[in-house]
Amino acid sequence: MLAVLLTGCWRDKDFAVEPAQEAPALEATRSSGTTFRLSALRGKVVILSFGYTACPDVCPTTLSRLNNLQRRLGMLSQDLEVVFITVDPERDTERRLNDYVNVFNRRFTALRLEDEALTKLLTAYRVTATRRYPDSERYSNHAFTGEMPYTVDHTGGYFVIDRGGTLRLRIPYDTPLERLQESVEGLLQEEL
């Protein structure tokens, strides 16, 4: 039993933010008109994830895994908040973003920040987001839709904030669900 506990503690060192630091501030207006403040979630464990609604693979997989995580956590999930922040505010209207996130889980919070606030937040969390345009000859029909297709290469993964508002873990996107659950459960079981 001790070996299992020690293994769990050791493994979280792989994901630890060193040194642990207060989570960068986050404030945004929701589509309902209410203000979201990360600081208001003190007392809960928060998972931040960055992505966008037109993401072909990483984002839907991430949100699906976070939904599965909440189900696996059972009653513990009452103290877990998931926040999905778009890196493509130009295309992701608040409605589109909320509709997208609600497909995965209605308890998740979807946020859209304006360019300057988003850039500041991405920098604070060391997240990259770069637009990639395809070969324009292959997509000559974009003139009919009025929208040039592009993808956004962005940092994937999970930023986990403890109950005290400290950014504790940065978990890679491809981490197995069992491992993600183990790490999040550890923080959920800590006292404030």
Protein backbone atom coordinates (compact mmCIF):
# COMPACT_ATOMS: atom_id res chain seq x y z
CA MET A 1 0.00 0.00 0.00
CA LEU A 2 2.82 2.41 0.90
CA ALA A 3 4.47 1.73 -2.46
CA VAL A 4 1.24 2.67 -4.25
CA LEU A 5 0.99 5.93 -2.28
CA LEU A 6 4.61 6.79 -2.90
CA THR A 7 4.23 6.01 -6.59
CA GLY A 8 1.23 8.35 -6.79
CA CYS A 9 3.15 11.16 -5.09
CA TRP A 10 6.18 10.62 -7.27
CA ARG A 11 4.15 10.59 -10.46
CA ASP A 12 2.60 13.99 -9.74
CA LYS A 13 6.09 15.44 -9.73
CA ASP A 14 6.02 14.82 -13.48
CA PHE A 15 3.18 17.35 -13.79
CA ALA A 16 4.04 19.76 -10.98
CA VAL A 17 4.36 23.46 -11.74
CA GLU A 18 7.64 24.37 -10.07
CA PRO A 19 7.60 26.53 -8.18
CA ALA A 20 3.88 26.35 -7.50
CA GLN A 21 2.39 29.79 -8.07
CA GLU A 22 -0.89 31.62 -7.70
CA ALA A 23 -2.96 30.98 -10.80
CA PRO A 24 -2.88 33.97 -13.16
CA ALA A 25 -6.01 36.09 -12.83
CA LEU A 26 -8.88 35.38 -15.16
CA GLU A 27 -11.98 37.53 -15.54
CA ALA A 28 -14.45 37.49 -18.42
CA THR A 29 -18.06 38.35 -19.19
CA ARG A 30 -20.22 35.33 -19.92
CA SER A 31 -22.90 35.29 -22.60
CA SER A 32 -25.48 35.61 -19.81
CA GLY A 33 -23.96 38.98 -18.91
CA THR A 34 -22.57 37.76 -15.59
CA THR A 35 -18.90 38.12 -14.76
CA PHE A 36 -16.72 35.05 -14.40
CA ARG A 37 -13.83 35.38 -11.96
CA LEU A 38 -11.40 32.54 -11.42
CA SER A 39 -10.82 33.84 -7.89
CA ALA A 40 -14.51 33.17 -7.09
CA LEU A 41 -13.83 29.44 -7.49
CA ARG A 42 -11.53 29.26 -4.47
CA GLY A 43 -12.45 26.16 -2.49
CA LYS A 44 -12.81 24.13 -5.69
CA VAL A 45 -10.29 22.43 -7.93
CA VAL A 46 -10.32 24.02 -11.39
CA ILE A 47 -9.14 22.55 -14.68
CA LEU A 48 -8.45 25.08 -17.42
CA SER A 49 -8.19 23.96 -21.01
CA PHE A 50 -7.58 26.08 -24.10
CA GLY A 51 -9.00 25.27 -27.53
CA TYR A 52 -11.57 26.26 -30.15
CA THR A 53 -14.80 24.96 -31.64
CA ALA A 54 -13.44 24.19 -35.14
CA CYS A 55 -10.61 22.10 -33.69
CA PRO A 56 -10.63 18.78 -35.55
CA ASP A 57 -9.13 16.51 -32.91
CA VAL A 58 -7.44 17.68 -29.69
CA CYS A 59 -10.29 19.86 -28.36
CA PRO A 60 -13.17 17.41 -28.73
CA THR A 61 -10.98 14.66 -27.29
CA THR A 62 -10.00 16.90 -24.37
CA LEU A 63 -13.60 17.84 -23.55
CA SER A 64 -14.75 14.25 -23.91
CA ARG A 65 -12.03 13.08 -21.52
CA LEU A 66 -12.92 15.82 -19.02
CA ASN A 67 -16.56 14.73 -19.18
CA ASN A 68 -15.46 11.13 -18.53
CA LEU A 69 -13.27 12.35 -15.68
CA GLN A 70 -16.22 14.07 -14.01
CA ARG A 71 -18.31 10.91 -14.28
CA ARG A 72 -15.52 8.76 -12.86
CA LEU A 73 -15.02 11.11 -9.92
CA GLY A 74 -18.63 10.69 -8.81
CA MET A 75 -19.47 12.85 -5.79
CA LEU A 76 -15.96 14.34 -5.75
CA SER A 77 -16.79 16.10 -9.03
CA GLN A 78 -19.02 18.53 -7.12
CA ASP A 79 -15.80 20.29 -6.10
CA LEU A 80 -14.37 20.32 -9.64
CA GLU A 81 -14.88 23.11 -12.17
CA VAL A 82 -13.88 22.76 -15.82
CA VAL A 83 -13.24 25.96 -17.79
CA PHE A 84 -12.70 25.89 -21.58
CA ILE A 85 -11.21 29.07 -23.06
CA THR A 86 -11.29 29.67 -26.80
CA VAL A 87 -8.09 30.59 -28.62
CA ASP A 88 -10.15 31.61 -31.66
CA PRO A 89 -12.41 34.46 -30.52
CA GLU A 90 -12.82 35.69 -34.10
CA ARG A 91 -14.87 32.65 -35.12
CA ASP A 92 -16.06 31.44 -31.72
CA THR A 93 -18.98 33.62 -30.79
CA GLU A 94 -20.23 33.17 -27.24
CA ARG A 95 -23.25 31.26 -28.49
CA ARG A 96 -21.21 28.97 -30.72
CA LEU A 97 -18.75 28.35 -27.91
CA ASN A 98 -21.45 27.59 -25.33
CA ASP A 99 -23.32 25.29 -27.72
CA TYR A 100 -20.09 23.42 -28.45
CA VAL A 101 -19.08 22.95 -24.82
CA ASN A 102 -22.62 21.98 -23.77
CA VAL A 103 -22.49 19.02 -26.16
CA PHE A 104 -19.83 17.55 -23.87
CA ASN A 105 -21.07 18.67 -20.45
CA ARG A 106 -23.50 21.40 -19.39
CA ARG A 107 -21.56 21.97 -16.17
CA PHE A 108 -18.47 23.13 -18.07
CA THR A 109 -17.83 26.86 -18.33
CA ALA A 110 -16.96 28.28 -21.77
CA LEU A 111 -15.14 31.61 -21.97
CA ARG A 112 -14.34 33.97 -24.80
CA LEU A 113 -11.91 36.82 -24.19
CA GLU A 114 -11.17 39.72 -26.49
CA ASP A 115 -7.80 39.79 -28.25
CA GLU A 116 -5.74 41.81 -25.75
CA ALA A 117 -7.09 39.99 -22.68
CA LEU A 118 -6.64 36.62 -24.42
CA THR A 119 -3.04 37.40 -25.40
CA LYS A 120 -2.26 38.39 -21.82
CA LEU A 121 -3.84 35.19 -20.46
CA LEU A 122 -2.08 32.94 -22.99
CA THR A 123 1.24 34.53 -22.06
CA ALA A 124 0.57 34.10 -18.33
CA TYR A 125 -0.16 30.37 -18.77
CA ARG A 126 2.57 29.94 -21.41
CA VAL A 127 0.08 28.76 -24.00
CA THR A 128 0.80 29.19 -27.70
CA ALA A 129 -1.88 29.65 -30.35
CA THR A 130 -0.93 30.13 -34.00
CA ARG A 131 -3.24 30.25 -37.00
CA ARG A 132 -2.36 27.93 -39.87
CA TYR A 133 -3.84 28.62 -43.30
CA PRO A 134 -4.02 25.81 -45.84
CA ASP A 135 -2.77 26.05 -49.39
CA SER A 136 -5.17 28.65 -50.81
CA GLU A 137 -5.47 26.89 -54.19
CA ARG A 138 -6.95 23.81 -52.51
CA TYR A 139 -9.51 25.98 -50.77
CA SER A 140 -10.57 28.30 -53.57
CA ASN A 141 -14.24 27.87 -52.57
CA HIS A 142 -13.70 30.00 -49.46
CA ALA A 143 -14.71 33.01 -51.56
CA PHE A 144 -18.25 31.61 -51.64
CA THR A 145 -18.50 31.26 -47.87
CA GLY A 146 -16.68 34.47 -47.04
CA GLU A 147 -14.50 32.69 -44.50
CA MET A 148 -10.95 31.54 -45.15
CA PRO A 149 -10.50 28.15 -43.51
CA TYR A 150 -7.73 27.86 -40.97
CA THR A 151 -6.76 25.80 -37.98
CA VAL A 152 -5.14 26.98 -34.79
CA ASP A 153 -2.09 25.13 -33.54
CA HIS A 154 -2.28 25.52 -29.78
CA THR A 155 -0.95 24.15 -26.54
CA GLY A 156 -3.06 21.23 -25.40
CA GLY A 157 -3.39 19.78 -21.97
CA TYR A 158 -4.83 20.61 -18.60
CA PHE A 159 -3.91 23.38 -16.18
CA VAL A 160 -5.02 22.28 -12.71
CA ILE A 161 -5.55 24.82 -9.94
CA ASP A 162 -5.97 23.69 -6.34
CA ARG A 163 -8.61 24.79 -3.84
CA GLY A 164 -6.42 27.67 -2.66
CA GLY A 165 -6.03 29.17 -6.14
CA THR A 166 -2.52 27.85 -6.77
CA LEU A 167 -1.59 26.54 -10.22
CA ARG A 168 -0.25 23.14 -9.22
CA LEU A 169 -0.27 20.86 -12.24
CA ARG A 170 0.25 21.14 -15.96
CA ILE A 171 -0.84 17.81 -17.38
CA PRO A 172 -0.08 16.93 -21.02
CA TYR A 173 -2.93 16.30 -23.44
CA ASP A 174 -2.00 12.66 -24.07
CA THR A 175 -1.93 11.64 -20.40
CA PRO A 176 -4.07 8.51 -19.87
CA LEU A 177 -7.44 9.19 -18.25
CA GLU A 178 -6.58 7.02 -15.24
CA ARG A 179 -3.48 9.10 -14.59
CA LEU A 180 -5.40 12.37 -15.01
CA GLN A 181 -8.00 11.09 -12.56
CA GLU A 182 -5.35 10.10 -10.02
CA SER A 183 -3.77 13.57 -10.13
CA VAL A 184 -7.06 15.46 -9.89
CA GLU A 185 -8.37 13.19 -7.11
CA GLY A 186 -5.23 13.94 -5.12
CA LEU A 187 -5.99 17.66 -5.23
CA LEU A 188 -9.69 17.12 -4.52
CA GLN A 189 -8.79 15.20 -1.37
CA GLU A 190 -6.55 17.97 -0.04
CA GLU A 191 -7.93 20.37 2.53
CA LEU A 192 -7.91 24.10 1.81
